[in-house]
Amino acid sequence: MKSSRFFNLISPRRVPFFYGWIILVVGTIGLLMSTPGQTIGVSAFTDSLLSALDISRDQISLAYMGGTMLSAVLLTRAGQFFDRFGPAFTALFASVGLAIALTYLSYINRISAAMNGSDGMKILLILIGFIFIRFFGQGVLTLASRTMVVKWFDARRGLAIGVLSVFAAYGFAMAPVLFDYLITSYDWSGAWRVLAIVSGIIFPICVIIFFKDAPETYGLVPDGFSESITSVKQKVRFPVHRDFTLQEARRTLSLWVFAGYPALFGLVTTGFTFHVVSVFAEYGFSREEAISVFQPVAIVSVIASLSCSLLTDYIRLKYLAFLFGVSALFAMYGVIHLNIVGINYWILIIGYGICAGVHSLLISLFLPRFYGKTHLGAITGQAMTLIVFASALGPILFSQSLSLTGQYSTAAYIVAGGFVILLLLTLIANNPQEKLSELGKTQ
């Protein structure tokens, strides 16, 4: 039962141009709507929560880790839910759920006070909030929006995902600035309630009207080509010879290696952005200077995303993975040597910005190119489980790095080691469709 049967206010066949371009716009909006549940969004509220609940940085990091891990457990099921009910129903479920979670978090200090909460009770209350904003925001809404876009494009998938990534990368990088403005204007609790109204009332209207399932549901073909489906497939440089099931995809090394890059970067993103004010304070930077780092990161990420998206339809994704890993090593070098004035600050920005621009491209492109689209929701859910699970470790890794060693560079060394391992594994991790193509030629 697909959601397209119930959300049919606009028929894609009646639009005078390829409806996939509308899908690209609303899918990008959906991805941006997930920012309150992304670490880059939550990080803007970290210091306010510490003050309001009177808890330590390690305690809130543990709650965030627990909430993220528990939310990750459900994501493979969420992907199967997407395959069954389609993007519109899935996104509507996620956006309303995110709004409820944000509303709950906006009153968490009052709830804690009413319960005369101990530190343990405060951690439990914040843990519950983190579970749901991570599950609905970073998890389900991201999965539904990105996978919907992927299903509408084949030959032009790199271009489409590149456009999505450009706006998403810039939007994510600028989110802390926007949220900081909302916090300054309405206080932290009021800011969350404003975001809840947008997520629970305004955005669902967009979902109901514009979100649609795969083009084949409406008698259309991906990319909007007017030729036959056979002709369209000839335009695809990396054809899919067979659709993999979730169980089959799990048995390939490539799933874990190529999902490992955005997963490990997710760990960096959560750890770095969750404690960004503290990270920069260690080297004498103010809160304003710490928050402002995301602006040049946004510019670099947009350039990287746009540049790479023009190439991804023509090159093996292995090269994109190598770029990702090397850029991450540069970013970690910048974190380790941030106290050295000058070039290392920009090495951090450039390395981090390239990763931010490329990671959405990699996760969006390798899944349909390697495994097909029949079970894409379930396989994407599996990859998202790994990504979200890894991101849960970021805040506590960086927090413990500071607590145990007195500096954040220890965490950066550990992450750098992880990227070195991924770079080595990438040498032997190939597209499973290439092997199928070789088998076909020999038969």
Foldseek 3Di string as FASTA:
>chain_A
DEQCVVLPPDAQVPPPAHLLVVLLVLLLVLLLLLLCLALLNVLLCLVVLCVLVVDDLLLLLLLLLLLLLLLLVCLLVLLVVCLVYNLLVQLLVLLQQLLVLLLQVLCLSVVCVVVVHDSVRSSVSVSVSSNRSNNSRVGRSNLSSLLQSLLQAALLNLVSLLVSLLSSLLSSLCSSVVLNVLCVVQNNSRSSNVSSCCSNPVSSVVSSHRRDHHVVVSVAHHPRDPDDPVVVQVSQPQHFPAADALVRVVPAPQLCLLLVLLQLLLLVCNQCSSCQQVLVVLLPDHSVVSSVLSNLLSVLLSVLSNVVSVCPSPDFCLVLLLLSLVLLLQLLQLSLPVNDPDDSSVSNSNSNSNNSNSSSSSLSPLQCSQRNSSSSSSSSSVSSSSNSSSSSCNNNLQVVCCVPVVHSSVSSVVSNVVSVVSNVVSVVRHRNSVVVVVVVVVD
